[in-house]
Amino acid sequence: WAASEADEKVARLLRISGTEESAHADRVARAI
């Protein structure tokens, strides 16, 4: 989604959100 977003500020926020999704997966894996 970020790669196709023309507004760089929006794209940056989307990339951050994606990174947070992966970080959440890492935390859940550690908890398990």
PDB file of all heavy atoms in Angstrom:
ATOM      1  N   TRP A   1       0.846  -1.194   0.000  1.00  0.00           N
ATOM      2  CA  TRP A   1       0.000   0.000   0.000  1.00  0.00           C
ATOM      3  C   TRP A   1       0.882   1.245   0.000  1.00  0.00           C
ATOM      4  O   TRP A   1       0.660   2.183  -0.755  1.00  0.00           O
ATOM      5  CB  TRP A   1      -0.898  -0.046   1.221  1.00  0.00           C
ATOM      6  CG  TRP A   1      -1.985   0.990   1.302  1.00  0.00           C
ATOM      7  CD1 TRP A   1      -2.339   1.898   0.347  1.00  0.00           C
ATOM      8  CD2 TRP A   1      -2.852   1.215   2.404  1.00  0.00           C
ATOM      9  NE1 TRP A   1      -3.380   2.678   0.799  1.00  0.00           N
ATOM     10  CE2 TRP A   1      -3.711   2.281   2.065  1.00  0.00           C
ATOM     11  CE3 TRP A   1      -2.980   0.622   3.653  1.00  0.00           C
ATOM     12  CZ2 TRP A   1      -4.685   2.763   2.928  1.00  0.00           C
ATOM     13  CZ3 TRP A   1      -3.967   1.100   4.505  1.00  0.00           C
ATOM     14  CH2 TRP A   1      -4.802   2.148   4.145  1.00  0.00           C
ATOM     15  N   ALA A   2       1.920   1.242   0.835  1.00  0.00           N
ATOM     16  CA  ALA A   2       2.830   2.390   0.904  1.00  0.00           C
ATOM     17  C   ALA A   2       3.534   2.607  -0.430  1.00  0.00           C
ATOM     18  O   ALA A   2       3.729   3.754  -0.848  1.00  0.00           O
ATOM     19  CB  ALA A   2       3.858   2.170   2.018  1.00  0.00           C
ATOM     20  N   ALA A   3       3.912   1.529  -1.078  1.00  0.00           N
ATOM     21  CA  ALA A   3       4.633   1.640  -2.348  1.00  0.00           C
ATOM     22  C   ALA A   3       3.778   2.308  -3.429  1.00  0.00           C
ATOM     23  O   ALA A   3       4.315   2.944  -4.345  1.00  0.00           O
ATOM     24  CB  ALA A   3       5.086   0.264  -2.816  1.00  0.00           C
ATOM     25  N   SER A   4       2.463   2.190  -3.310  1.00  0.00           N
ATOM     26  CA  SER A   4       1.597   2.780  -4.336  1.00  0.00           C
ATOM     27  C   SER A   4       0.991   4.116  -3.892  1.00  0.00           C
ATOM     28  O   SER A   4       0.210   4.709  -4.637  1.00  0.00           O
ATOM     29  CB  SER A   4       0.476   1.804  -4.703  1.00  0.00           C
ATOM     30  OG  SER A   4      -0.373   1.584  -3.599  1.00  0.00           O
ATOM     31  N   GLU A   5       1.379   4.590  -2.722  1.00  0.00           N
ATOM     32  CA  GLU A   5       0.836   5.850  -2.194  1.00  0.00           C
ATOM     33  C   GLU A   5       1.660   7.036  -2.692  1.00  0.00           C
ATOM     34  O   GLU A   5       2.875   7.055  -2.536  1.00  0.00           O
ATOM     35  CB  GLU A   5       0.832   5.807  -0.661  1.00  0.00           C
ATOM     36  CG  GLU A   5       0.372   7.060   0.006  1.00  0.00           C
ATOM     37  CD  GLU A   5      -1.002   7.511  -0.443  1.00  0.00           C
ATOM     38  OE1 GLU A   5      -1.954   6.701  -0.358  1.00  0.00           O
ATOM     39  OE2 GLU A   5      -1.118   8.673  -0.882  1.00  0.00           O
ATOM     40  N   ALA A   6       0.987   7.996  -3.285  1.00  0.00           N
ATOM     41  CA  ALA A   6       1.676   9.170  -3.832  1.00  0.00           C
ATOM     42  C   ALA A   6       2.163  10.129  -2.746  1.00  0.00           C
ATOM     43  O   ALA A   6       3.212  10.751  -2.882  1.00  0.00           O
ATOM     44  CB  ALA A   6       0.748   9.915  -4.791  1.00  0.00           C
ATOM     45  N   ASP A   7       1.420  10.230  -1.669  1.00  0.00           N
ATOM     46  CA  ASP A   7       1.770  11.148  -0.582  1.00  0.00           C
ATOM     47  C   ASP A   7       2.829  10.480   0.303  1.00  0.00           C
ATOM     48  O   ASP A   7       2.551   9.487   0.971  1.00  0.00           O
ATOM     49  CB  ASP A   7       0.521  11.478   0.227  1.00  0.00           C
ATOM     50  CG  ASP A   7       0.764  12.522   1.313  1.00  0.00           C
ATOM     51  OD1 ASP A   7       1.845  12.503   1.948  1.00  0.00           O
ATOM     52  OD2 ASP A   7      -0.147  13.344   1.528  1.00  0.00           O
ATOM     53  N   GLU A   8       4.042  11.017   0.301  1.00  0.00           N
ATOM     54  CA  GLU A   8       5.151  10.395   1.031  1.00  0.00           C
ATOM     55  C   GLU A   8       4.901  10.345   2.536  1.00  0.00           C
ATOM     56  O   GLU A   8       5.323   9.402   3.204  1.00  0.00           O
ATOM     57  CB  GLU A   8       6.464  11.112   0.733  1.00  0.00           C
ATOM     58  CG  GLU A   8       7.678  10.459   1.352  1.00  0.00           C
ATOM     59  CD  GLU A   8       7.814   8.966   1.069  1.00  0.00           C
ATOM     60  OE1 GLU A   8       7.526   8.524  -0.065  1.00  0.00           O
ATOM     61  OE2 GLU A   8       8.195   8.215   1.991  1.00  0.00           O
ATOM     62  N   LYS A   9       4.195  11.332   3.076  1.00  0.00           N
ATOM     63  CA  LYS A   9       3.895  11.307   4.514  1.00  0.00           C
ATOM     64  C   LYS A   9       2.969  10.141   4.853  1.00  0.00           C
ATOM     65  O   LYS A   9       3.158   9.457   5.858  1.00  0.00           O
ATOM     66  CB  LYS A   9       3.268  12.628   4.953  1.00  0.00           C
ATOM     67  CG  LYS A   9       4.241  13.784   4.951  1.00  0.00           C
ATOM     68  CD  LYS A   9       3.553  15.068   5.371  1.00  0.00           C
ATOM     69  CE  LYS A   9       4.524  16.239   5.277  1.00  0.00           C
ATOM     70  NZ  LYS A   9       3.871  17.509   5.624  1.00  0.00           N
ATOM     71  N   VAL A  10       1.990   9.914   4.007  1.00  0.00           N
ATOM     72  CA  VAL A  10       1.073   8.792   4.209  1.00  0.00           C
ATOM     73  C   VAL A  10       1.829   7.479   4.018  1.00  0.00           C
ATOM     74  O   VAL A  10       1.680   6.540   4.815  1.00  0.00           O
ATOM     75  CB  VAL A  10      -0.133   8.886   3.246  1.00  0.00           C
ATOM     76  CG1 VAL A  10      -0.993   7.631   3.323  1.00  0.00           C
ATOM     77  CG2 VAL A  10      -0.961  10.124   3.547  1.00  0.00           C
ATOM     78  N   ALA A  11       2.650   7.405   2.984  1.00  0.00           N
ATOM     79  CA  ALA A  11       3.427   6.191   2.722  1.00  0.00           C
ATOM     80  C   ALA A  11       4.327   5.854   3.907  1.00  0.00           C
ATOM     81  O   ALA A  11       4.448   4.687   4.301  1.00  0.00           O
ATOM     82  CB  ALA A  11       4.257   6.354   1.453  1.00  0.00           C
ATOM     83  N   ARG A  12       4.943   6.869   4.496  1.00  0.00           N
ATOM     84  CA  ARG A  12       5.822   6.637   5.653  1.00  0.00           C
ATOM     85  C   ARG A  12       5.027   6.048   6.813  1.00  0.00           C
ATOM     86  O   ARG A  12       5.470   5.095   7.461  1.00  0.00           O
ATOM     87  CB  ARG A  12       6.473   7.958   6.080  1.00  0.00           C
ATOM     88  CG  ARG A  12       7.387   7.829   7.274  1.00  0.00           C
ATOM     89  CD  ARG A  12       8.032   9.184   7.630  1.00  0.00           C
ATOM     90  NE  ARG A  12       8.806   9.068   8.834  1.00  0.00           N
ATOM     91  CZ  ARG A  12       8.313   9.145  10.076  1.00  0.00           C
ATOM     92  NH1 ARG A  12       7.028   9.358  10.257  1.00  0.00           N
ATOM     93  NH2 ARG A  12       9.095   9.022  11.123  1.00  0.00           N
ATOM     94  N   LEU A  13       3.847   6.593   7.076  1.00  0.00           N
ATOM     95  CA  LEU A  13       3.013   6.066   8.163  1.00  0.00           C
ATOM     96  C   LEU A  13       2.576   4.632   7.889  1.00  0.00           C
ATOM     97  O   LEU A  13       2.529   3.798   8.803  1.00  0.00           O
ATOM     98  CB  LEU A  13       1.799   6.965   8.376  1.00  0.00           C
ATOM     99  CG  LEU A  13       2.099   8.348   8.937  1.00  0.00           C
ATOM    100  CD1 LEU A  13       0.827   9.196   8.939  1.00  0.00           C
ATOM    101  CD2 LEU A  13       2.694   8.254  10.331  1.00  0.00           C
ATOM    102  N   LEU A  14       2.282   4.334   6.638  1.00  0.00           N
ATOM    103  CA  LEU A  14       1.898   2.966   6.283  1.00  0.00           C
ATOM    104  C   LEU A  14       3.064   2.000   6.494  1.00  0.00           C
ATOM    105  O   LEU A  14       2.875   0.895   7.014  1.00  0.00           O
ATOM    106  CB  LEU A  14       1.416   2.909   4.830  1.00  0.00           C
ATOM    107  CG  LEU A  14       0.095   3.624   4.556  1.00  0.00           C
ATOM    108  CD1 LEU A  14      -0.136   3.732   3.055  1.00  0.00           C
ATOM    109  CD2 LEU A  14      -1.053   2.911   5.238  1.00  0.00           C
ATOM    110  N   ARG A  15       4.270   2.427   6.117  1.00  0.00           N
ATOM    111  CA  ARG A  15       5.453   1.575   6.338  1.00  0.00           C
ATOM    112  C   ARG A  15       5.685   1.338   7.826  1.00  0.00           C
ATOM    113  O   ARG A  15       5.997   0.220   8.247  1.00  0.00           O
ATOM    114  CB  ARG A  15       6.681   2.181   5.680  1.00  0.00           C
ATOM    115  CG  ARG A  15       6.694   2.036   4.163  1.00  0.00           C
ATOM    116  CD  ARG A  15       8.037   2.414   3.563  1.00  0.00           C
ATOM    117  NE  ARG A  15       8.309   3.836   3.672  1.00  0.00           N
ATOM    118  CZ  ARG A  15       7.905   4.752   2.819  1.00  0.00           C
ATOM    119  NH1 ARG A  15       7.212   4.407   1.752  1.00  0.00           N
ATOM    120  NH2 ARG A  15       8.209   6.023   2.988  1.00  0.00           N
ATOM    121  N   ILE A  16       5.513   2.371   8.623  1.00  0.00           N
ATOM    122  CA  ILE A  16       5.663   2.226  10.071  1.00  0.00           C
ATOM    123  C   ILE A  16       4.622   1.242  10.617  1.00  0.00           C
ATOM    124  O   ILE A  16       4.942   0.369  11.432  1.00  0.00           O
ATOM    125  CB  ILE A  16       5.540   3.592  10.772  1.00  0.00           C
ATOM    126  CG1 ILE A  16       6.759   4.454  10.456  1.00  0.00           C
ATOM    127  CG2 ILE A  16       5.371   3.430  12.280  1.00  0.00           C
ATOM    128  CD1 ILE A  16       6.611   5.910  10.869  1.00  0.00           C
ATOM    129  N   SER A  17       3.398   1.375  10.165  1.00  0.00           N
ATOM    130  CA  SER A  17       2.346   0.459  10.616  1.00  0.00           C
ATOM    131  C   SER A  17       2.677  -0.980  10.255  1.00  0.00           C
ATOM    132  O   SER A  17       2.463  -1.898  11.060  1.00  0.00           O
ATOM    133  CB  SER A  17       0.997   0.852  10.009  1.00  0.00           C
ATOM    134  OG  SER A  17       0.577   2.086  10.533  1.00  0.00           O
ATOM    135  N   GLY A  18       3.207  -1.185   9.063  1.00  0.00           N
ATOM    136  CA  GLY A  18       3.603  -2.533   8.659  1.00  0.00           C
ATOM    137  C   GLY A  18       4.694  -3.090   9.548  1.00  0.00           C
ATOM    138  O   GLY A  18       4.636  -4.249   9.981  1.00  0.00           O
ATOM    139  N   THR A  19       5.675  -2.269   9.854  1.00  0.00           N
ATOM    140  CA  THR A  19       6.765  -2.693  10.730  1.00  0.00           C
ATOM    141  C   THR A  19       6.230  -3.059  12.106  1.00  0.00           C
ATOM    142  O   THR A  19       6.670  -4.046  12.713  1.00  0.00           O
ATOM    143  CB  THR A  19       7.819  -1.579  10.832  1.00  0.00           C
ATOM    144  OG1 THR A  19       8.311  -1.308   9.517  1.00  0.00           O
ATOM    145  CG2 THR A  19       8.971  -1.966  11.729  1.00  0.00           C
ATOM    146  N   GLU A  20       5.262  -2.299  12.591  1.00  0.00           N
ATOM    147  CA  GLU A  20       4.656  -2.596  13.888  1.00  0.00           C
ATOM    148  C   GLU A  20       3.927  -3.936  13.862  1.00  0.00           C
ATOM    149  O   GLU A  20       3.911  -4.655  14.860  1.00  0.00           O
ATOM    150  CB  GLU A  20       3.716  -1.470  14.302  1.00  0.00           C
ATOM    151  CG  GLU A  20       4.460  -0.203  14.690  1.00  0.00           C
ATOM    152  CD  GLU A  20       3.538   0.982  14.912  1.00  0.00           C
ATOM    153  OE1 GLU A  20       2.316   0.872  14.690  1.00  0.00           O
ATOM    154  OE2 GLU A  20       4.052   2.037  15.309  1.00  0.00           O
ATOM    155  N   GLU A  21       3.318  -4.283  12.735  1.00  0.00           N
ATOM    156  CA  GLU A  21       2.665  -5.587  12.613  1.00  0.00           C
ATOM    157  C   GLU A  21       3.680  -6.714  12.803  1.00  0.00           C
ATOM    158  O   GLU A  21       3.422  -7.675  13.536  1.00  0.00           O
ATOM    159  CB  GLU A  21       1.990  -5.726  11.241  1.00  0.00           C
ATOM    160  CG  GLU A  21       0.803  -4.835  11.033  1.00  0.00           C
ATOM    161  CD  GLU A  21      -0.435  -5.292  11.776  1.00  0.00           C
ATOM    162  OE1 GLU A  21      -0.599  -6.501  12.007  1.00  0.00           O
ATOM    163  OE2 GLU A  21      -1.249  -4.422  12.117  1.00  0.00           O
ATOM    164  N   SER A  22       4.828  -6.591  12.156  1.00  0.00           N
ATOM    165  CA  SER A  22       5.862  -7.619  12.306  1.00  0.00           C
ATOM    166  C   SER A  22       6.412  -7.663  13.726  1.00  0.00           C
ATOM    167  O   SER A  22       6.669  -8.745  14.265  1.00  0.00           O
ATOM    168  CB  SER A  22       7.008  -7.389  11.314  1.00  0.00           C
ATOM    169  OG  SER A  22       6.592  -7.760  10.021  1.00  0.00           O
ATOM    170  N   ALA A  23       6.585  -6.503  14.335  1.00  0.00           N
ATOM    171  CA  ALA A  23       7.069  -6.463  15.717  1.00  0.00           C
ATOM    172  C   ALA A  23       6.076  -7.147  16.649  1.00  0.00           C
ATOM    173  O   ALA A  23       6.466  -7.864  17.575  1.00  0.00           O
ATOM    174  CB  ALA A  23       7.314  -5.016  16.155  1.00  0.00           C
ATOM    175  N   HIS A  24       4.797  -6.959  16.395  1.00  0.00           N
ATOM    176  CA  HIS A  24       3.776  -7.631  17.196  1.00  0.00           C
ATOM    177  C   HIS A  24       3.896  -9.143  17.036  1.00  0.00           C
ATOM    178  O   HIS A  24       3.823  -9.886  18.018  1.00  0.00           O
ATOM    179  CB  HIS A  24       2.382  -7.149  16.796  1.00  0.00           C
ATOM    180  CG  HIS A  24       1.291  -7.809  17.554  1.00  0.00           C
ATOM    181  ND1 HIS A  24       0.396  -8.653  16.975  1.00  0.00           N
ATOM    182  CD2 HIS A  24       0.977  -7.767  18.873  1.00  0.00           C
ATOM    183  CE1 HIS A  24      -0.438  -9.105  17.899  1.00  0.00           C
ATOM    184  NE2 HIS A  24      -0.113  -8.580  19.056  1.00  0.00           N
ATOM    185  N   ALA A  25       4.085  -9.610  15.819  1.00  0.00           N
ATOM    186  CA  ALA A  25       4.252 -11.046  15.584  1.00  0.00           C
ATOM    187  C   ALA A  25       5.462 -11.577  16.350  1.00  0.00           C
ATOM    188  O   ALA A  25       5.400 -12.663  16.938  1.00  0.00           O
ATOM    189  CB  ALA A  25       4.403 -11.323  14.089  1.00  0.00           C
ATOM    190  N   ASP A  26       6.548 -10.821  16.370  1.00  0.00           N
ATOM    191  CA  ASP A  26       7.744 -11.233  17.108  1.00  0.00           C
ATOM    192  C   ASP A  26       7.455 -11.330  18.605  1.00  0.00           C
ATOM    193  O   ASP A  26       7.879 -12.287  19.273  1.00  0.00           O
ATOM    194  CB  ASP A  26       8.896 -10.258  16.876  1.00  0.00           C
ATOM    195  CG  ASP A  26       9.406 -10.274  15.448  1.00  0.00           C
ATOM    196  OD1 ASP A  26       9.138 -11.255  14.715  1.00  0.00           O
ATOM    197  OD2 ASP A  26      10.063  -9.289  15.057  1.00  0.00           O
ATOM    198  N   ARG A  27       6.731 -10.356  19.146  1.00  0.00           N
ATOM    199  CA  ARG A  27       6.414 -10.384  20.577  1.00  0.00           C
ATOM    200  C   ARG A  27       5.519 -11.567  20.919  1.00  0.00           C
ATOM    201  O   ARG A  27       5.718 -12.232  21.938  1.00  0.00           O
ATOM    202  CB  ARG A  27       5.753  -9.072  21.009  1.00  0.00           C
ATOM    203  CG  ARG A  27       6.712  -7.892  21.042  1.00  0.00           C
ATOM    204  CD  ARG A  27       6.093  -6.651  21.669  1.00  0.00           C
ATOM    205  NE  ARG A  27       4.883  -6.193  20.999  1.00  0.00           N
ATOM    206  CZ  ARG A  27       4.865  -5.350  19.973  1.00  0.00           C
ATOM    207  NH1 ARG A  27       5.991  -4.872  19.468  1.00  0.00           N
ATOM    208  NH2 ARG A  27       3.714  -4.972  19.439  1.00  0.00           N
ATOM    209  N   VAL A  28       4.555 -11.850  20.090  1.00  0.00           N
ATOM    210  CA  VAL A  28       3.671 -12.989  20.323  1.00  0.00           C
ATOM    211  C   VAL A  28       4.469 -14.289  20.276  1.00  0.00           C
ATOM    212  O   VAL A  28       4.291 -15.165  21.123  1.00  0.00           O
ATOM    213  CB  VAL A  28       2.505 -13.010  19.308  1.00  0.00           C
ATOM    214  CG1 VAL A  28       1.735 -14.314  19.387  1.00  0.00           C
ATOM    215  CG2 VAL A  28       1.577 -11.834  19.542  1.00  0.00           C
ATOM    216  N   ALA A  29       5.376 -14.410  19.316  1.00  0.00           N
ATOM    217  CA  ALA A  29       6.201 -15.618  19.215  1.00  0.00           C
ATOM    218  C   ALA A  29       7.047 -15.798  20.476  1.00  0.00           C
ATOM    219  O   ALA A  29       7.171 -16.918  20.991  1.00  0.00           O
ATOM    220  CB  ALA A  29       7.092 -15.551  17.975  1.00  0.00           C
ATOM    221  N   ARG A  30       7.615 -14.712  20.977  1.00  0.00           N
ATOM    222  CA  ARG A  30       8.420 -14.800  22.212  1.00  0.00           C
ATOM    223  C   ARG A  30       7.543 -15.204  23.397  1.00  0.00           C
ATOM    224  O   ARG A  30       7.950 -16.009  24.232  1.00  0.00           O
ATOM    225  CB  ARG A  30       9.141 -13.475  22.486  1.00  0.00           C
ATOM    226  CG  ARG A  30      10.313 -13.247  21.556  1.00  0.00           C
ATOM    227  CD  ARG A  30      11.231 -12.122  22.024  1.00  0.00           C
ATOM    228  NE  ARG A  30      10.591 -10.848  22.244  1.00  0.00           N
ATOM    229  CZ  ARG A  30      10.400  -9.906  21.306  1.00  0.00           C
ATOM    230  NH1 ARG A  30      10.825 -10.106  20.075  1.00  0.00           N
ATOM    231  NH2 ARG A  30       9.815  -8.761  21.611  1.00  0.00           N
ATOM    232  N   ALA A  31       6.347 -14.658  23.475  1.00  0.00           N
ATOM    233  CA  ALA A  31       5.439 -15.006  24.566  1.00  0.00           C
ATOM    234  C   ALA A  31       5.067 -16.492  24.508  1.00  0.00           C
ATOM    235  O   ALA A  31       5.042 -17.171  25.535  1.00  0.00           O
ATOM    236  CB  ALA A  31       4.177 -14.132  24.509  1.00  0.00           C
ATOM    237  N   ILE A  32       4.795 -16.974  23.317  1.00  0.00           N
ATOM    238  CA  ILE A  32       4.466 -18.398  23.164  1.00  0.00           C
ATOM    239  C   ILE A  32       5.632 -19.273  23.598  1.00  0.00           C
ATOM    240  O   ILE A  32       5.451 -20.264  24.309  1.00  0.00           O
ATOM    241  CB  ILE A  32       4.029 -18.695  21.709  1.00  0.00           C
ATOM    242  CG1 ILE A  32       2.673 -18.068  21.441  1.00  0.00           C
ATOM    243  CG2 ILE A  32       3.997 -20.205  21.453  1.00  0.00           C
ATOM    244  CD1 ILE A  32       2.258 -18.071  19.982  1.00  0.00           C
TER     245      ILE A  32
END
